[in-house]
């Protein structure tokens, strides 16, 4: 499955971040990809038992006030993250293998707009 959305970080003093959660079982177990305009990065995490662990990341400009496309492709234990049409990194992890829900994500005082949540089956 591949999931993508458009995000536009608008404001926030602590964070200006938005992302996608997949394989969401409950608030303490899921995978997350997020882009943060204040930090200038895109990160991929797993959250298991409420404990967040970074699996991969890339430092790059994430402009506030601009629409960006964030995409996460999941094939078994392999995850590929793209930002604005450019593949950034691939990570592997088998902590959560069962299907789950999909959610939009933000945190702290982030004001982030989302547009066009898309879910695509993969061959």
PDB file of N, CA and C in Angstrom:
ATOM      1  N   UNK A   1       0.835  -1.161   0.000  1.00  0.00           N
ATOM      2  CA  UNK A   1       0.000   0.000   0.000  1.00  0.00           C
ATOM      3  C   UNK A   1       0.889   1.235   0.000  1.00  0.00           C
ATOM      4  N   UNK A   2       0.410   2.264  -0.655  1.00  0.00           N
ATOM      5  CA  UNK A   2       1.074   3.565  -0.618  1.00  0.00           C
ATOM      6  C   UNK A   2       0.043   4.589  -0.161  1.00  0.00           C
ATOM      7  N   UNK A   3       0.473   5.483   0.712  1.00  0.00           N
ATOM      8  CA  UNK A   3      -0.388   6.537   1.229  1.00  0.00           C
ATOM      9  C   UNK A   3       0.322   7.857   0.989  1.00  0.00           C
ATOM     10  N   UNK A   4      -0.422   8.851   0.524  1.00  0.00           N
ATOM     11  CA  UNK A   4       0.183  10.171   0.374  1.00  0.00           C
ATOM     12  C   UNK A   4      -0.845  11.255   0.629  1.00  0.00           C
ATOM     13  N   UNK A   5      -0.326  12.386   1.030  1.00  0.00           N
ATOM     14  CA  UNK A   5      -1.144  13.568   1.266  1.00  0.00           C
ATOM     15  C   UNK A   5      -0.321  14.796   0.953  1.00  0.00           C
ATOM     16  N   UNK A   6      -1.015  15.915   0.886  1.00  0.00           N
ATOM     17  CA  UNK A   6      -0.328  17.200   0.771  1.00  0.00           C
ATOM     18  C   UNK A   6      -0.430  17.868   2.129  1.00  0.00           C
ATOM     19  N   UNK A   7       0.695  18.425   2.580  1.00  0.00           N
ATOM     20  CA  UNK A   7       0.710  19.127   3.861  1.00  0.00           C
ATOM     21  C   UNK A   7       1.229  20.550   3.647  1.00  0.00           C
ATOM     22  N   UNK A   8       0.736  21.430   4.492  1.00  0.00           N
ATOM     23  CA  UNK A   8       1.186  22.822   4.456  1.00  0.00           C
ATOM     24  C   UNK A   8       1.389  23.278   5.899  1.00  0.00           C
ATOM     25  N   UNK A   9       2.638  23.259   6.383  1.00  0.00           N
ATOM     26  CA  UNK A   9       2.899  23.787   7.730  1.00  0.00           C
ATOM     27  C   UNK A   9       2.616  25.290   7.726  1.00  0.00           C
ATOM     28  N   UNK A  10       1.809  25.739   8.667  1.00  0.00           N
ATOM     29  CA  UNK A  10       1.392  27.137   8.672  1.00  0.00           C
ATOM     30  C   UNK A  10       2.014  27.910   9.827  1.00  0.00           C
ATOM     31  N   UNK A  11       1.958  27.346  11.033  1.00  0.00           N
ATOM     32  CA  UNK A  11       2.444  28.083  12.202  1.00  0.00           C
ATOM     33  C   UNK A  11       2.765  27.111  13.325  1.00  0.00           C
ATOM     34  N   UNK A  12       3.406  27.656  14.359  1.00  0.00           N
ATOM     35  CA  UNK A  12       3.758  26.903  15.554  1.00  0.00           C
ATOM     36  C   UNK A  12       5.112  27.356  16.056  1.00  0.00           C
ATOM     37  N   UNK A  13       5.231  27.539  17.356  1.00  0.00           N
ATOM     38  CA  UNK A  13       6.518  27.933  17.937  1.00  0.00           C
ATOM     39  C   UNK A  13       7.323  26.733  18.397  1.00  0.00           C
ATOM     40  N   UNK A  14       6.637  25.662  18.834  1.00  0.00           N
ATOM     41  CA  UNK A  14       7.313  24.446  19.285  1.00  0.00           C
ATOM     42  C   UNK A  14       7.563  23.515  18.099  1.00  0.00           C
ATOM     43  N   UNK A  15       6.556  23.360  17.246  1.00  0.00           N
ATOM     44  CA  UNK A  15       6.642  22.496  16.067  1.00  0.00           C
ATOM     45  C   UNK A  15       5.809  23.078  14.940  1.00  0.00           C
ATOM     46  N   UNK A  16       6.223  22.797  13.725  1.00  0.00           N
ATOM     47  CA  UNK A  16       5.435  23.062  12.520  1.00  0.00           C
ATOM     48  C   UNK A  16       5.530  21.790  11.695  1.00  0.00           C
ATOM     49  N   UNK A  17       4.784  20.771  12.144  1.00  0.00           N
ATOM     50  CA  UNK A  17       4.936  19.443  11.572  1.00  0.00           C
ATOM     51  C   UNK A  17       3.596  18.836  11.199  1.00  0.00           C
ATOM     52  N   UNK A  18       3.645  17.947  10.216  1.00  0.00           N
ATOM     53  CA  UNK A  18       2.482  17.179   9.814  1.00  0.00           C
ATOM     54  C   UNK A  18       2.945  15.872   9.216  1.00  0.00           C
ATOM     55  N   UNK A  19       2.088  14.857   9.294  1.00  0.00           N
ATOM     56  CA  UNK A  19       2.497  13.572   8.764  1.00  0.00           C
ATOM     57  C   UNK A  19       1.365  12.587   8.621  1.00  0.00           C
ATOM     58  N   UNK A  20       1.773  11.332   8.348  1.00  0.00           N
ATOM     59  CA  UNK A  20       0.865  10.218   8.147  1.00  0.00           C
ATOM     60  C   UNK A  20       1.223   9.080   9.079  1.00  0.00           C
ATOM     61  N   UNK A  21       0.211   8.502   9.700  1.00  0.00           N
ATOM     62  CA  UNK A  21       0.396   7.290  10.505  1.00  0.00           C
ATOM     63  C   UNK A  21      -0.250   6.129   9.748  1.00  0.00           C
ATOM     64  N   UNK A  22       0.440   4.983   9.719  1.00  0.00           N
ATOM     65  CA  UNK A  22      -0.117   3.787   9.081  1.00  0.00           C
ATOM     66  C   UNK A  22       0.017   2.602  10.021  1.00  0.00           C
ATOM     67  N   UNK A  23      -0.692   1.536   9.676  1.00  0.00           N
ATOM     68  CA  UNK A  23      -0.734   0.324  10.500  1.00  0.00           C
ATOM     69  C   UNK A  23      -1.071   0.678  11.943  1.00  0.00           C
ATOM     70  N   UNK A  24      -1.902   1.685  12.074  1.00  0.00           N
ATOM     71  CA  UNK A  24      -2.314   2.188  13.381  1.00  0.00           C
ATOM     72  C   UNK A  24      -3.228   1.168  14.052  1.00  0.00           C
ATOM     73  N   UNK A  25      -2.756   0.600  15.155  1.00  0.00           N
ATOM     74  CA  UNK A  25      -3.570  -0.343  15.937  1.00  0.00           C
ATOM     75  C   UNK A  25      -4.277   0.383  17.061  1.00  0.00           C
ATOM     76  N   UNK A  26      -3.577   1.323  17.688  1.00  0.00           N
ATOM     77  CA  UNK A  26      -4.111   2.125  18.786  1.00  0.00           C
ATOM     78  C   UNK A  26      -3.158   3.299  18.959  1.00  0.00           C
ATOM     79  N   UNK A  27      -3.432   4.228  19.888  1.00  0.00           N
ATOM     80  CA  UNK A  27      -2.569   5.422  20.012  1.00  0.00           C
ATOM     81  C   UNK A  27      -1.116   5.128  20.381  1.00  0.00           C
ATOM     82  N   UNK A  28      -0.808   3.891  20.760  1.00  0.00           N
ATOM     83  CA  UNK A  28       0.551   3.547  21.189  1.00  0.00           C
ATOM     84  C   UNK A  28       1.299   2.638  20.224  1.00  0.00           C
ATOM     85  N   UNK A  29       0.702   2.296  19.073  1.00  0.00           N
ATOM     86  CA  UNK A  29       1.329   1.346  18.149  1.00  0.00           C
ATOM     87  C   UNK A  29       1.014   1.714  16.696  1.00  0.00           C
ATOM     88  N   UNK A  30       2.043   2.206  15.977  1.00  0.00           N
ATOM     89  CA  UNK A  30       1.867   2.615  14.583  1.00  0.00           C
ATOM     90  C   UNK A  30       3.219   3.011  13.995  1.00  0.00           C
ATOM     91  N   UNK A  31       3.241   3.196  12.671  1.00  0.00           N
ATOM     92  CA  UNK A  31       4.385   3.802  11.982  1.00  0.00           C
ATOM     93  C   UNK A  31       3.993   5.230  11.617  1.00  0.00           C
ATOM     94  N   UNK A  32       4.991   6.107  11.569  1.00  0.00           N
ATOM     95  CA  UNK A  32       4.731   7.516  11.311  1.00  0.00           C
ATOM     96  C   UNK A  32       5.818   8.101  10.421  1.00  0.00           C
ATOM     97  N   UNK A  33       5.392   8.824   9.396  1.00  0.00           N
ATOM     98  CA  UNK A  33       6.303   9.665   8.627  1.00  0.00           C
ATOM     99  C   UNK A  33       5.817  11.095   8.812  1.00  0.00           C
ATOM    100  N   UNK A  34       6.761  12.012   9.078  1.00  0.00           N
ATOM    101  CA  UNK A  34       6.365  13.403   9.290  1.00  0.00           C
ATOM    102  C   UNK A  34       7.428  14.341   8.753  1.00  0.00           C
ATOM    103  N   UNK A  35       6.933  15.509   8.333  1.00  0.00           N
ATOM    104  CA  UNK A  35       7.815  16.579   7.857  1.00  0.00           C
ATOM    105  C   UNK A  35       7.691  17.740   8.828  1.00  0.00           C
ATOM    106  N   UNK A  36       8.836  18.374   9.173  1.00  0.00           N
ATOM    107  CA  UNK A  36       8.841  19.441  10.156  1.00  0.00           C
ATOM    108  C   UNK A  36       9.551  20.674   9.572  1.00  0.00           C
ATOM    109  N   UNK A  37       8.798  21.771   9.439  1.00  0.00           N
ATOM    110  CA  UNK A  37       9.365  22.990   8.861  1.00  0.00           C
ATOM    111  C   UNK A  37      10.352  23.674   9.802  1.00  0.00           C
ATOM    112  N   UNK A  38      10.105  23.633  11.112  1.00  0.00           N
ATOM    113  CA  UNK A  38      11.032  24.280  12.053  1.00  0.00           C
ATOM    114  C   UNK A  38      12.372  23.559  12.114  1.00  0.00           C
ATOM    115  N   UNK A  39      12.341  22.225  12.049  1.00  0.00           N
ATOM    116  CA  UNK A  39      13.580  21.441  12.115  1.00  0.00           C
ATOM    117  C   UNK A  39      14.211  21.239  10.744  1.00  0.00           C
ATOM    118  N   UNK A  40      13.450  21.410   9.676  1.00  0.00           N
ATOM    119  CA  UNK A  40      13.974  21.188   8.332  1.00  0.00           C
ATOM    120  C   UNK A  40      14.328  19.734   8.096  1.00  0.00           C
ATOM    121  N   UNK A  41      13.341  18.847   8.322  1.00  0.00           N
ATOM    122  CA  UNK A  41      13.621  17.428   8.111  1.00  0.00           C
ATOM    123  C   UNK A  41      12.350  16.630   7.889  1.00  0.00           C
ATOM    124  N   UNK A  42      12.551  15.412   7.379  1.00  0.00           N
ATOM    125  CA  UNK A  42      11.512  14.400   7.253  1.00  0.00           C
ATOM    126  C   UNK A  42      12.020  13.190   8.006  1.00  0.00           C
ATOM    127  N   UNK A  43      11.180  12.640   8.890  1.00  0.00           N
ATOM    128  CA  UNK A  43      11.582  11.511   9.729  1.00  0.00           C
ATOM    129  C   UNK A  43      10.561  10.381   9.622  1.00  0.00           C
ATOM    130  N   UNK A  44      11.051   9.149   9.788  1.00  0.00           N
ATOM    131  CA  UNK A  44      10.200   7.957   9.821  1.00  0.00           C
ATOM    132  C   UNK A  44      10.413   7.269  11.158  1.00  0.00           C
ATOM    133  N   UNK A  45       9.315   7.014  11.862  1.00  0.00           N
ATOM    134  CA  UNK A  45       9.370   6.422  13.201  1.00  0.00           C
ATOM    135  C   UNK A  45       8.485   5.199  13.290  1.00  0.00           C
ATOM    136  N   UNK A  46       8.806   4.357  14.266  1.00  0.00           N
ATOM    137  CA  UNK A  46       7.836   3.368  14.716  1.00  0.00           C
ATOM    138  C   UNK A  46       7.511   3.732  16.158  1.00  0.00           C
ATOM    139  N   UNK A  47       6.270   3.518  16.517  1.00  0.00           N
ATOM    140  CA  UNK A  47       5.822   3.720  17.888  1.00  0.00           C
ATOM    141  C   UNK A  47       5.257   2.389  18.341  1.00  0.00           C
ATOM    142  N   UNK A  48       5.906   1.787  19.340  1.00  0.00           N
ATOM    143  CA  UNK A  48       5.481   0.495  19.877  1.00  0.00           C
ATOM    144  C   UNK A  48       5.391   0.635  21.388  1.00  0.00           C
ATOM    145  N   UNK A  49       4.237   0.303  21.932  1.00  0.00           N
ATOM    146  CA  UNK A  49       4.033   0.445  23.369  1.00  0.00           C
ATOM    147  C   UNK A  49       4.194   1.878  23.840  1.00  0.00           C
ATOM    148  N   UNK A  50       3.905   2.833  22.946  1.00  0.00           N
ATOM    149  CA  UNK A  50       4.016   4.237  23.295  1.00  0.00           C
ATOM    150  C   UNK A  50       5.426   4.798  23.210  1.00  0.00           C
ATOM    151  N   UNK A  51       6.408   3.972  22.876  1.00  0.00           N
ATOM    152  CA  UNK A  51       7.804   4.409  22.762  1.00  0.00           C
ATOM    153  C   UNK A  51       8.150   4.658  21.295  1.00  0.00           C
ATOM    154  N   UNK A  52       8.559   5.882  20.988  1.00  0.00           N
ATOM    155  CA  UNK A  52       8.901   6.258  19.613  1.00  0.00           C
ATOM    156  C   UNK A  52      10.374   5.995  19.348  1.00  0.00           C
ATOM    157  N   UNK A  53      10.646   5.406  18.176  1.00  0.00           N
ATOM    158  CA  UNK A  53      12.021   5.144  17.747  1.00  0.00           C
ATOM    159  C   UNK A  53      12.174   5.580  16.297  1.00  0.00           C
ATOM    160  N   UNK A  54      13.173   6.421  16.018  1.00  0.00           N
ATOM    161  CA  UNK A  54      13.424   6.850  14.645  1.00  0.00           C
ATOM    162  C   UNK A  54      14.077   5.719  13.876  1.00  0.00           C
ATOM    163  N   UNK A  55      13.520   5.421  12.695  1.00  0.00           N
ATOM    164  CA  UNK A  55      14.070   4.376  11.835  1.00  0.00           C
ATOM    165  C   UNK A  55      14.881   4.953  10.684  1.00  0.00           C
ATOM    166  N   UNK A  56      14.527   6.159  10.244  1.00  0.00           N
ATOM    167  CA  UNK A  56      15.252   6.798   9.135  1.00  0.00           C
ATOM    168  C   UNK A  56      14.877   8.272   9.105  1.00  0.00           C
ATOM    169  N   UNK A  57      15.673   9.043   8.370  1.00  0.00           N
ATOM    170  CA  UNK A  57      15.362  10.466   8.256  1.00  0.00           C
ATOM    171  C   UNK A  57      16.258  11.147   7.251  1.00  0.00           C
ATOM    172  N   UNK A  58      15.840  12.338   6.877  1.00  0.00           N
ATOM    173  CA  UNK A  58      16.624  13.156   5.954  1.00  0.00           C
ATOM    174  C   UNK A  58      16.443  14.620   6.344  1.00  0.00           C
ATOM    175  N   UNK A  59      17.547  15.360   6.308  1.00  0.00           N
ATOM    176  CA  UNK A  59      17.505  16.800   6.558  1.00  0.00           C
ATOM    177  C   UNK A  59      17.382  17.511   5.219  1.00  0.00           C
ATOM    178  N   UNK A  60      16.350  18.341   5.093  1.00  0.00           N
ATOM    179  CA  UNK A  60      16.108  19.086   3.869  1.00  0.00           C
ATOM    180  C   UNK A  60      15.123  20.202   4.162  1.00  0.00           C
ATOM    181  N   UNK A  61      15.078  21.213   3.313  1.00  0.00           N
ATOM    182  CA  UNK A  61      14.143  22.311   3.552  1.00  0.00           C
ATOM    183  C   UNK A  61      12.692  21.849   3.473  1.00  0.00           C
ATOM    184  N   UNK A  62      11.917  22.198   4.491  1.00  0.00           N
ATOM    185  CA  UNK A  62      10.472  22.007   4.513  1.00  0.00           C
ATOM    186  C   UNK A  62       9.911  23.407   4.756  1.00  0.00           C
ATOM    187  N   UNK A  63       9.457  24.040   3.705  1.00  0.00           N
ATOM    188  CA  UNK A  63       9.054  25.441   3.793  1.00  0.00           C
ATOM    189  C   UNK A  63       7.683  25.598   4.433  1.00  0.00           C
ATOM    190  N   UNK A  64       7.592  26.485   5.404  1.00  0.00           N
ATOM    191  CA  UNK A  64       6.302  26.836   5.987  1.00  0.00           C
ATOM    192  C   UNK A  64       5.522  27.672   4.972  1.00  0.00           C
ATOM    193  N   UNK A  65       4.209  27.519   4.995  1.00  0.00           N
ATOM    194  CA  UNK A  65       3.367  28.289   4.086  1.00  0.00           C
ATOM    195  C   UNK A  65       3.356  27.771   2.665  1.00  0.00           C
ATOM    196  N   UNK A  66       3.941  26.607   2.435  1.00  0.00           N
ATOM    197  CA  UNK A  66       4.027  26.006   1.107  1.00  0.00           C
ATOM    198  C   UNK A  66       3.448  24.604   1.148  1.00  0.00           C
ATOM    199  N   UNK A  67       2.722  24.222   0.108  1.00  0.00           N
ATOM    200  CA  UNK A  67       2.208  22.853   0.019  1.00  0.00           C
ATOM    201  C   UNK A  67       3.343  21.894  -0.354  1.00  0.00           C
ATOM    202  N   UNK A  68       3.406  20.776   0.358  1.00  0.00           N
ATOM    203  CA  UNK A  68       4.380  19.710   0.103  1.00  0.00           C
ATOM    204  C   UNK A  68       3.631  18.389  -0.015  1.00  0.00           C
ATOM    205  N   UNK A  69       4.181  17.464  -0.788  1.00  0.00           N
ATOM    206  CA  UNK A  69       3.602  16.131  -0.911  1.00  0.00           C
ATOM    207  C   UNK A  69       4.454  15.154  -0.102  1.00  0.00           C
ATOM    208  N   UNK A  70       3.793  14.420   0.787  1.00  0.00           N
ATOM    209  CA  UNK A  70       4.455  13.433   1.637  1.00  0.00           C
ATOM    210  C   UNK A  70       3.862  12.070   1.314  1.00  0.00           C
ATOM    211  N   UNK A  71       4.732  11.104   0.976  1.00  0.00           N
ATOM    212  CA  UNK A  71       4.275   9.774   0.543  1.00  0.00           C
ATOM    213  C   UNK A  71       5.017   8.694   1.326  1.00  0.00           C
ATOM    214  N   UNK A  72       4.270   7.681   1.751  1.00  0.00           N
ATOM    215  CA  UNK A  72       4.841   6.524   2.443  1.00  0.00           C
ATOM    216  C   UNK A  72       4.337   5.264   1.759  1.00  0.00           C
ATOM    217  N   UNK A  73       5.275   4.460   1.282  1.00  0.00           N
ATOM    218  CA  UNK A  73       4.947   3.186   0.644  1.00  0.00           C
ATOM    219  C   UNK A  73       5.361   2.063   1.583  1.00  0.00           C
ATOM    220  N   UNK A  74       4.446   1.126   1.835  1.00  0.00           N
ATOM    221  CA  UNK A  74       4.722   0.002   2.735  1.00  0.00           C
ATOM    222  C   UNK A  74       4.513  -1.310   1.986  1.00  0.00           C
ATOM    223  N   UNK A  75       5.571  -2.104   1.918  1.00  0.00           N
ATOM    224  CA  UNK A  75       5.525  -3.438   1.302  1.00  0.00           C
ATOM    225  C   UNK A  75       6.127  -4.410   2.307  1.00  0.00           C
ATOM    226  N   UNK A  76       5.282  -5.092   3.057  1.00  0.00           N
ATOM    227  CA  UNK A  76       5.777  -6.000   4.082  1.00  0.00           C
ATOM    228  C   UNK A  76       6.555  -5.231   5.132  1.00  0.00           C
ATOM    229  N   UNK A  77       7.842  -5.561   5.283  1.00  0.00           N
ATOM    230  CA  UNK A  77       8.667  -4.881   6.294  1.00  0.00           C
ATOM    231  C   UNK A  77       9.513  -3.750   5.692  1.00  0.00           C
ATOM    232  N   UNK A  78       9.238  -3.378   4.442  1.00  0.00           N
ATOM    233  CA  UNK A  78      10.020  -2.355   3.744  1.00  0.00           C
ATOM    234  C   UNK A  78       9.172  -1.101   3.532  1.00  0.00           C
ATOM    235  N   UNK A  79       9.721   0.050   3.921  1.00  0.00           N
ATOM    236  CA  UNK A  79       9.018   1.326   3.841  1.00  0.00           C
ATOM    237  C   UNK A  79       9.861   2.307   3.032  1.00  0.00           C
ATOM    238  N   UNK A  80       9.221   3.002   2.102  1.00  0.00           N
ATOM    239  CA  UNK A  80       9.905   3.993   1.284  1.00  0.00           C
ATOM    240  C   UNK A  80       9.195   5.335   1.459  1.00  0.00           C
ATOM    241  N   UNK A  81       9.975   6.363   1.747  1.00  0.00           N
ATOM    242  CA  UNK A  81       9.437   7.698   1.993  1.00  0.00           C
ATOM    243  C   UNK A  81       9.871   8.635   0.871  1.00  0.00           C
ATOM    244  N   UNK A  82       8.885   9.386   0.348  1.00  0.00           N
ATOM    245  CA  UNK A  82       9.149  10.399  -0.676  1.00  0.00           C
ATOM    246  C   UNK A  82       8.592  11.733  -0.211  1.00  0.00           C
ATOM    247  N   UNK A  83       9.264  12.805  -0.632  1.00  0.00           N
ATOM    248  CA  UNK A  83       8.850  14.155  -0.278  1.00  0.00           C
ATOM    249  C   UNK A  83       8.938  15.015  -1.522  1.00  0.00           C
ATOM    250  N   UNK A  84       7.844  15.663  -1.868  1.00  0.00           N
ATOM    251  CA  UNK A  84       7.770  16.495  -3.071  1.00  0.00           C
ATOM    252  C   UNK A  84       8.254  15.760  -4.319  1.00  0.00           C
ATOM    253  N   UNK A  85       7.844  14.487  -4.429  1.00  0.00           N
ATOM    254  CA  UNK A  85       8.155  13.688  -5.610  1.00  0.00           C
ATOM    255  C   UNK A  85       9.546  13.088  -5.649  1.00  0.00           C
ATOM    256  N   UNK A  86      10.358  13.315  -4.625  1.00  0.00           N
ATOM    257  CA  UNK A  86      11.715  12.770  -4.584  1.00  0.00           C
ATOM    258  C   UNK A  86      11.809  11.696  -3.508  1.00  0.00           C
ATOM    259  N   UNK A  87      12.262  10.503  -3.892  1.00  0.00           N
ATOM    260  CA  UNK A  87      12.458   9.442  -2.904  1.00  0.00           C
ATOM    261  C   UNK A  87      13.592   9.846  -1.975  1.00  0.00           C
ATOM    262  N   UNK A  88      13.328   9.816  -0.668  1.00  0.00           N
ATOM    263  CA  UNK A  88      14.338  10.234   0.313  1.00  0.00           C
ATOM    264  C   UNK A  88      15.105   9.066   0.902  1.00  0.00           C
ATOM    265  N   UNK A  89      14.386   8.023   1.320  1.00  0.00           N
ATOM    266  CA  UNK A  89      15.050   6.901   1.987  1.00  0.00           C
ATOM    267  C   UNK A  89      14.114   5.703   2.063  1.00  0.00           C
ATOM    268  N   UNK A  90      14.730   4.556   2.365  1.00  0.00           N
ATOM    269  CA  UNK A  90      14.014   3.306   2.593  1.00  0.00           C
ATOM    270  C   UNK A  90      14.469   2.757   3.933  1.00  0.00           C
ATOM    271  N   UNK A  91      13.531   2.170   4.664  1.00  0.00           N
ATOM    272  CA  UNK A  91      13.847   1.549   5.950  1.00  0.00           C
ATOM    273  C   UNK A  91      13.118   0.214   6.028  1.00  0.00           C
ATOM    274  N   UNK A  92      13.650  -0.688   6.846  1.00  0.00           N
ATOM    275  CA  UNK A  92      12.971  -1.959   7.085  1.00  0.00           C
ATOM    276  C   UNK A  92      12.709  -2.113   8.575  1.00  0.00           C
ATOM    277  N   UNK A  93      11.554  -2.708   8.872  1.00  0.00           N
ATOM    278  CA  UNK A  93      11.187  -2.983  10.253  1.00  0.00           C
ATOM    279  C   UNK A  93      10.003  -3.935  10.239  1.00  0.00           C
ATOM    280  N   UNK A  94       9.981  -4.887  11.169  1.00  0.00           N
ATOM    281  CA  UNK A  94       8.911  -5.882  11.217  1.00  0.00           C
ATOM    282  C   UNK A  94       8.154  -5.863  12.537  1.00  0.00           C
ATOM    283  N   UNK A  95       8.195  -4.745  13.247  1.00  0.00           N
ATOM    284  CA  UNK A  95       7.533  -4.668  14.545  1.00  0.00           C
ATOM    285  C   UNK A  95       6.013  -4.743  14.423  1.00  0.00           C
ATOM    286  N   UNK A  96       5.449  -4.106  13.398  1.00  0.00           N
ATOM    287  CA  UNK A  96       4.001  -4.094  13.199  1.00  0.00           C
ATOM    288  C   UNK A  96       3.731  -4.579  11.779  1.00  0.00           C
ATOM    289  N   UNK A  97       3.206  -5.783  11.651  1.00  0.00           N
ATOM    290  CA  UNK A  97       2.977  -6.352  10.321  1.00  0.00           C
ATOM    291  C   UNK A  97       1.506  -6.412   9.944  1.00  0.00           C
ATOM    292  N   UNK A  98       0.626  -6.375  10.922  1.00  0.00           N
ATOM    293  CA  UNK A  98      -0.807  -6.479  10.645  1.00  0.00           C
ATOM    294  C   UNK A  98      -1.332  -5.166  10.056  1.00  0.00           C
ATOM    295  N   UNK A  99      -2.339  -5.275   9.183  1.00  0.00           N
ATOM    296  CA  UNK A  99      -2.950  -4.047   8.672  1.00  0.00           C
ATOM    297  C   UNK A  99      -3.568  -3.255   9.816  1.00  0.00           C
ATOM    298  N   UNK A 100      -3.739  -1.980   9.600  1.00  0.00           N
ATOM    299  CA  UNK A 100      -4.353  -1.132  10.610  1.00  0.00           C
ATOM    300  C   UNK A 100      -4.963   0.086   9.965  1.00  0.00           C
ATOM    301  N   UNK A 101      -5.262   1.040  10.771  1.00  0.00           N
ATOM    302  CA  UNK A 101      -5.876   2.275  10.285  1.00  0.00           C
ATOM    303  C   UNK A 101      -4.810   3.215   9.737  1.00  0.00           C
ATOM    304  N   UNK A 102      -5.289   4.254   9.057  1.00  0.00           N
ATOM    305  CA  UNK A 102      -4.443   5.316   8.525  1.00  0.00           C
ATOM    306  C   UNK A 102      -4.927   6.610   9.159  1.00  0.00           C
ATOM    307  N   UNK A 103      -4.001   7.493   9.517  1.00  0.00           N
ATOM    308  CA  UNK A 103      -4.404   8.746  10.156  1.00  0.00           C
ATOM    309  C   UNK A 103      -3.495   9.883   9.723  1.00  0.00           C
ATOM    310  N   UNK A 104      -4.035  11.088   9.763  1.00  0.00           N
ATOM    311  CA  UNK A 104      -3.226  12.294   9.632  1.00  0.00           C
ATOM    312  C   UNK A 104      -2.666  12.603  11.005  1.00  0.00           C
ATOM    313  N   UNK A 105      -1.472  13.194  11.056  1.00  0.00           N
ATOM    314  CA  UNK A 105      -0.776  13.372  12.331  1.00  0.00           C
ATOM    315  C   UNK A 105      -0.208  14.780  12.436  1.00  0.00           C
ATOM    316  N   UNK A 106      -0.268  15.328  13.628  1.00  0.00           N
ATOM    317  CA  UNK A 106       0.413  16.573  13.957  1.00  0.00           C
ATOM    318  C   UNK A 106       0.677  16.566  15.455  1.00  0.00           C
ATOM    319  N   UNK A 107       1.492  17.498  15.947  1.00  0.00           N
ATOM    320  CA  UNK A 107       1.783  17.489  17.377  1.00  0.00           C
ATOM    321  C   UNK A 107       2.076  18.887  17.907  1.00  0.00           C
ATOM    322  N   UNK A 108       2.113  18.953  19.211  1.00  0.00           N
ATOM    323  CA  UNK A 108       2.427  20.186  19.938  1.00  0.00           C
ATOM    324  C   UNK A 108       1.525  21.318  19.461  1.00  0.00           C
ATOM    325  N   UNK A 109       2.112  22.454  19.133  1.00  0.00           N
ATOM    326  CA  UNK A 109       1.314  23.605  18.718  1.00  0.00           C
ATOM    327  C   UNK A 109       1.296  23.790  17.204  1.00  0.00           C
ATOM    328  N   UNK A 110       1.604  22.737  16.465  1.00  0.00           N
ATOM    329  CA  UNK A 110       1.605  22.819  15.002  1.00  0.00           C
ATOM    330  C   UNK A 110       0.236  23.205  14.457  1.00  0.00           C
ATOM    331  N   UNK A 111       0.256  24.139  13.531  1.00  0.00           N
ATOM    332  CA  UNK A 111      -0.930  24.440  12.732  1.00  0.00           C
ATOM    333  C   UNK A 111      -0.558  23.989  11.332  1.00  0.00           C
ATOM    334  N   UNK A 112      -1.175  22.905  10.884  1.00  0.00           N
ATOM    335  CA  UNK A 112      -0.822  22.286   9.612  1.00  0.00           C
ATOM    336  C   UNK A 112      -2.085  21.997   8.830  1.00  0.00           C
ATOM    337  N   UNK A 113      -2.085  22.335   7.567  1.00  0.00           N
ATOM    338  CA  UNK A 113      -3.216  22.018   6.696  1.00  0.00           C
ATOM    339  C   UNK A 113      -2.895  20.747   5.925  1.00  0.00           C
ATOM    340  N   UNK A 114      -3.934  19.952   5.690  1.00  0.00           N
ATOM    341  CA  UNK A 114      -3.813  18.714   4.925  1.00  0.00           C
ATOM    342  C   UNK A 114      -4.773  18.769   3.749  1.00  0.00           C
ATOM    343  N   UNK A 115      -4.390  18.109   2.648  1.00  0.00           N
ATOM    344  CA  UNK A 115      -5.228  18.055   1.463  1.00  0.00           C
ATOM    345  C   UNK A 115      -5.006  16.721   0.769  1.00  0.00           C
ATOM    346  N   UNK A 116      -6.096  16.136   0.270  1.00  0.00           N
ATOM    347  CA  UNK A 116      -5.999  14.978  -0.631  1.00  0.00           C
ATOM    348  C   UNK A 116      -5.334  13.758  -0.015  1.00  0.00           C
ATOM    349  N   UNK A 117      -5.948  13.144   0.973  1.00  0.00           N
ATOM    350  CA  UNK A 117      -5.451  11.874   1.504  1.00  0.00           C
ATOM    351  C   UNK A 117      -5.736  10.783   0.483  1.00  0.00           C
ATOM    352  N   UNK A 118      -4.689  10.095   0.037  1.00  0.00           N
ATOM    353  CA  UNK A 118      -4.809   9.055  -0.991  1.00  0.00           C
ATOM    354  C   UNK A 118      -4.213   7.755  -0.491  1.00  0.00           C
ATOM    355  N   UNK A 119      -4.912   6.656  -0.770  1.00  0.00           N
ATOM    356  CA  UNK A 119      -4.446   5.314  -0.433  1.00  0.00           C
ATOM    357  C   UNK A 119      -4.467   4.498  -1.718  1.00  0.00           C
ATOM    358  N   UNK A 120      -3.320   3.907  -2.060  1.00  0.00           N
ATOM    359  CA  UNK A 120      -3.196   3.139  -3.295  1.00  0.00           C
ATOM    360  C   UNK A 120      -2.763   1.719  -2.999  1.00  0.00           C
ATOM    361  N   UNK A 121      -3.482   0.720  -3.501  1.00  0.00           N
ATOM    362  CA  UNK A 121      -2.978  -0.652  -3.385  1.00  0.00           C
ATOM    363  C   UNK A 121      -1.762  -0.812  -4.291  1.00  0.00           C
ATOM    364  N   UNK A 122      -0.836  -1.633  -3.868  1.00  0.00           N
ATOM    365  CA  UNK A 122       0.350  -1.900  -4.691  1.00  0.00           C
ATOM    366  C   UNK A 122       0.297  -3.327  -5.211  1.00  0.00           C
ATOM    367  N   UNK A 123       0.853  -3.542  -6.389  1.00  0.00           N
ATOM    368  CA  UNK A 123       0.839  -4.907  -6.959  1.00  0.00           C
ATOM    369  C   UNK A 123       1.675  -5.863  -6.132  1.00  0.00           C
TER     370      UNK A 123
END
